Amino acid sequence: MKIQQIIGEQGPQTGFCANGGCPAFLFTDDNRVLIQGAILSESEKAKLTAPAHEDFVSIPREIFEKLTAHL
């Protein structure tokens, strides 16, 4: 897998998490989007259901809106 593009708070970036741009959306060469965010606590995870091979991360809604504005 190769990272092709990173969208952070400040828009497209060339470095991972450059200039405090975390959380981020990372676009891969195999047509996937990776989302960088904070790992949920066990108590937060207990309220959610996901298959064993999946997990959740958290990003502030304000940051999500900034990230999606650059798509």
N, C-alpha and C. Protein backbone atom coordinates (compact mmCIF):
# COMPACT_ATOMS: atom_id res chain seq x y z
N MET A 1 0.85 -1.17 0.00
CA MET A 1 0.00 0.00 0.00
C MET A 1 0.89 1.24 0.00
N LYS A 2 0.56 2.17 -0.85
CA LYS A 2 1.28 3.44 -0.93
C LYS A 2 0.29 4.57 -0.65
N ILE A 3 0.69 5.49 0.22
CA ILE A 3 -0.14 6.66 0.49
C ILE A 3 0.02 7.62 -0.68
N GLN A 4 -1.09 8.00 -1.31
CA GLN A 4 -1.02 8.89 -2.46
C GLN A 4 -1.31 10.34 -2.11
N GLN A 5 -2.18 10.56 -1.13
CA GLN A 5 -2.54 11.94 -0.79
C GLN A 5 -2.95 11.98 0.67
N ILE A 6 -2.61 13.05 1.32
CA ILE A 6 -3.00 13.26 2.71
C ILE A 6 -3.75 14.58 2.79
N ILE A 7 -4.95 14.54 3.38
CA ILE A 7 -5.72 15.75 3.62
C ILE A 7 -5.74 15.96 5.14
N GLY A 8 -5.16 17.06 5.58
CA GLY A 8 -5.17 17.41 6.99
C GLY A 8 -6.00 18.66 7.22
N GLU A 9 -5.95 19.16 8.43
CA GLU A 9 -6.73 20.35 8.79
C GLU A 9 -6.47 21.52 7.85
N GLN A 10 -5.24 21.63 7.37
CA GLN A 10 -4.87 22.76 6.51
C GLN A 10 -4.99 22.43 5.03
N GLY A 11 -5.61 21.30 4.70
CA GLY A 11 -5.76 20.90 3.31
C GLY A 11 -4.74 19.85 2.91
N PRO A 12 -4.48 19.70 1.59
CA PRO A 12 -3.53 18.70 1.13
C PRO A 12 -2.15 18.90 1.75
N GLN A 13 -1.51 17.79 2.10
CA GLN A 13 -0.19 17.85 2.73
C GLN A 13 0.73 16.84 2.07
N THR A 14 2.02 17.10 2.16
CA THR A 14 3.00 16.17 1.60
C THR A 14 3.61 15.29 2.68
N GLY A 15 3.63 15.74 3.91
CA GLY A 15 4.21 14.96 5.00
C GLY A 15 3.13 14.43 5.92
N PHE A 16 3.39 13.31 6.54
CA PHE A 16 2.40 12.73 7.45
C PHE A 16 2.29 13.59 8.69
N CYS A 17 1.10 14.08 8.96
CA CYS A 17 0.83 14.87 10.16
C CYS A 17 1.66 16.16 10.17
N ALA A 18 1.93 16.71 8.99
CA ALA A 18 2.75 17.90 8.88
C ALA A 18 2.06 19.12 9.49
N ASN A 19 2.82 19.95 10.14
CA ASN A 19 2.32 21.22 10.71
C ASN A 19 1.09 21.04 11.58
N GLY A 20 1.06 19.99 12.39
CA GLY A 20 -0.08 19.78 13.28
C GLY A 20 -1.34 19.39 12.56
N GLY A 21 -1.23 18.80 11.37
CA GLY A 21 -2.40 18.48 10.56
C GLY A 21 -3.12 17.21 10.93
N CYS A 22 -2.99 16.73 12.15
CA CYS A 22 -3.70 15.53 12.59
C CYS A 22 -5.00 15.96 13.23
N PRO A 23 -6.03 15.24 13.12
CA PRO A 23 -6.30 14.03 12.36
C PRO A 23 -6.22 14.28 10.85
N ALA A 24 -6.27 13.19 10.10
CA ALA A 24 -6.11 13.31 8.65
C ALA A 24 -6.86 12.20 7.92
N PHE A 25 -7.14 12.46 6.65
CA PHE A 25 -7.62 11.44 5.71
C PHE A 25 -6.43 11.08 4.84
N LEU A 26 -6.13 9.81 4.69
CA LEU A 26 -5.03 9.36 3.85
C LEU A 26 -5.62 8.52 2.73
N PHE A 27 -5.30 8.88 1.51
CA PHE A 27 -5.81 8.17 0.33
C PHE A 27 -4.71 7.24 -0.18
N THR A 28 -5.05 5.98 -0.44
CA THR A 28 -4.07 4.99 -0.84
C THR A 28 -4.17 4.65 -2.32
N ASP A 29 -3.13 4.00 -2.83
CA ASP A 29 -3.12 3.60 -4.23
C ASP A 29 -4.05 2.43 -4.52
N ASP A 30 -4.57 1.77 -3.49
CA ASP A 30 -5.52 0.68 -3.71
C ASP A 30 -6.96 1.13 -3.40
N ASN A 31 -7.21 2.43 -3.58
CA ASN A 31 -8.56 3.02 -3.48
C ASN A 31 -9.21 2.88 -2.11
N ARG A 32 -8.41 3.05 -1.07
CA ARG A 32 -8.96 3.08 0.28
C ARG A 32 -8.70 4.45 0.89
N VAL A 33 -9.49 4.79 1.90
CA VAL A 33 -9.28 6.01 2.67
C VAL A 33 -9.00 5.58 4.11
N LEU A 34 -7.87 5.99 4.65
CA LEU A 34 -7.53 5.73 6.04
C LEU A 34 -7.83 6.99 6.82
N ILE A 35 -8.35 6.84 8.02
CA ILE A 35 -8.67 7.99 8.86
C ILE A 35 -7.82 7.92 10.12
N GLN A 36 -7.03 8.96 10.34
CA GLN A 36 -6.21 9.05 11.54
C GLN A 36 -7.00 9.79 12.60
N GLY A 37 -7.10 9.18 13.78
CA GLY A 37 -7.82 9.81 14.87
C GLY A 37 -7.43 9.18 16.20
N ALA A 38 -8.05 9.62 17.26
CA ALA A 38 -7.77 9.10 18.60
C ALA A 38 -8.46 7.75 18.79
N ILE A 39 -7.75 6.81 19.41
CA ILE A 39 -8.32 5.50 19.73
C ILE A 39 -9.33 5.69 20.85
N LEU A 40 -10.47 5.01 20.73
CA LEU A 40 -11.51 5.11 21.75
C LEU A 40 -11.11 4.36 23.02
N SER A 41 -11.62 4.83 24.14
CA SER A 41 -11.40 4.14 25.41
C SER A 41 -12.24 2.87 25.43
N GLU A 42 -11.92 1.97 26.33
CA GLU A 42 -12.69 0.72 26.44
C GLU A 42 -14.16 1.00 26.78
N SER A 43 -14.41 2.01 27.61
CA SER A 43 -15.81 2.33 27.96
C SER A 43 -16.56 2.90 26.76
N GLU A 44 -15.88 3.67 25.91
CA GLU A 44 -16.53 4.18 24.69
C GLU A 44 -16.80 3.03 23.72
N LYS A 45 -15.83 2.12 23.56
CA LYS A 45 -16.00 0.98 22.67
C LYS A 45 -17.14 0.07 23.12
N ALA A 46 -17.34 -0.03 24.43
CA ALA A 46 -18.38 -0.92 24.97
C ALA A 46 -19.77 -0.53 24.51
N LYS A 47 -19.95 0.72 24.11
CA LYS A 47 -21.26 1.22 23.66
C LYS A 47 -21.48 0.97 22.17
N LEU A 48 -20.45 0.47 21.46
CA LEU A 48 -20.51 0.30 20.01
C LEU A 48 -20.32 -1.17 19.65
N THR A 49 -20.77 -1.52 18.45
CA THR A 49 -20.60 -2.88 17.96
C THR A 49 -19.89 -2.84 16.62
N ALA A 50 -18.84 -3.63 16.50
CA ALA A 50 -18.11 -3.75 15.24
C ALA A 50 -17.55 -5.16 15.14
N PRO A 51 -17.38 -5.67 13.93
CA PRO A 51 -16.75 -6.99 13.77
C PRO A 51 -15.34 -6.98 14.38
N ALA A 52 -14.84 -8.15 14.73
CA ALA A 52 -13.54 -8.26 15.39
C ALA A 52 -12.40 -7.67 14.56
N HIS A 53 -12.54 -7.65 13.24
CA HIS A 53 -11.46 -7.14 12.38
C HIS A 53 -11.59 -5.63 12.10
N GLU A 54 -12.54 -4.95 12.75
CA GLU A 54 -12.74 -3.52 12.57
C GLU A 54 -12.61 -2.79 13.90
N ASP A 55 -12.41 -1.47 13.82
CA ASP A 55 -12.30 -0.66 15.03
C ASP A 55 -12.79 0.75 14.73
N PHE A 56 -12.87 1.58 15.75
CA PHE A 56 -13.32 2.96 15.63
C PHE A 56 -12.19 3.89 16.07
N VAL A 57 -12.16 5.08 15.48
CA VAL A 57 -11.32 6.17 15.96
C VAL A 57 -12.22 7.40 16.09
N SER A 58 -11.75 8.36 16.82
CA SER A 58 -12.54 9.57 17.06
C SER A 58 -11.78 10.79 16.55
N ILE A 59 -12.52 11.67 15.86
CA ILE A 59 -11.98 12.98 15.50
C ILE A 59 -13.06 14.00 15.84
N PRO A 60 -12.68 15.20 16.27
CA PRO A 60 -13.67 16.22 16.57
C PRO A 60 -14.48 16.57 15.32
N ARG A 61 -15.77 16.82 15.49
CA ARG A 61 -16.63 17.14 14.35
C ARG A 61 -16.11 18.35 13.58
N GLU A 62 -15.61 19.35 14.30
CA GLU A 62 -15.07 20.55 13.65
C GLU A 62 -13.92 20.18 12.70
N ILE A 63 -13.07 19.26 13.13
CA ILE A 63 -11.96 18.82 12.28
C ILE A 63 -12.49 18.02 11.10
N PHE A 64 -13.49 17.17 11.32
CA PHE A 64 -14.11 16.42 10.23
C PHE A 64 -14.63 17.38 9.16
N GLU A 65 -15.29 18.44 9.58
CA GLU A 65 -15.83 19.42 8.63
C GLU A 65 -14.71 20.12 7.86
N LYS A 66 -13.59 20.42 8.54
CA LYS A 66 -12.44 21.02 7.85
C LYS A 66 -11.86 20.04 6.83
N LEU A 67 -11.74 18.77 7.23
CA LEU A 67 -11.18 17.76 6.32
C LEU A 67 -12.06 17.58 5.10
N THR A 68 -13.36 17.44 5.30
CA THR A 68 -14.25 17.19 4.17
C THR A 68 -14.37 18.41 3.26
N ALA A 69 -14.10 19.59 3.78
CA ALA A 69 -14.15 20.79 2.94
C ALA A 69 -13.07 20.76 1.86
N HIS A 70 -12.01 19.96 2.07
CA HIS A 70 -10.90 19.89 1.12
C HIS A 70 -11.07 18.76 0.10
N LEU A 71 -12.15 18.00 0.19
CA LEU A 71 -12.35 16.88 -0.74
C LEU A 71 -12.91 17.35 -2.05
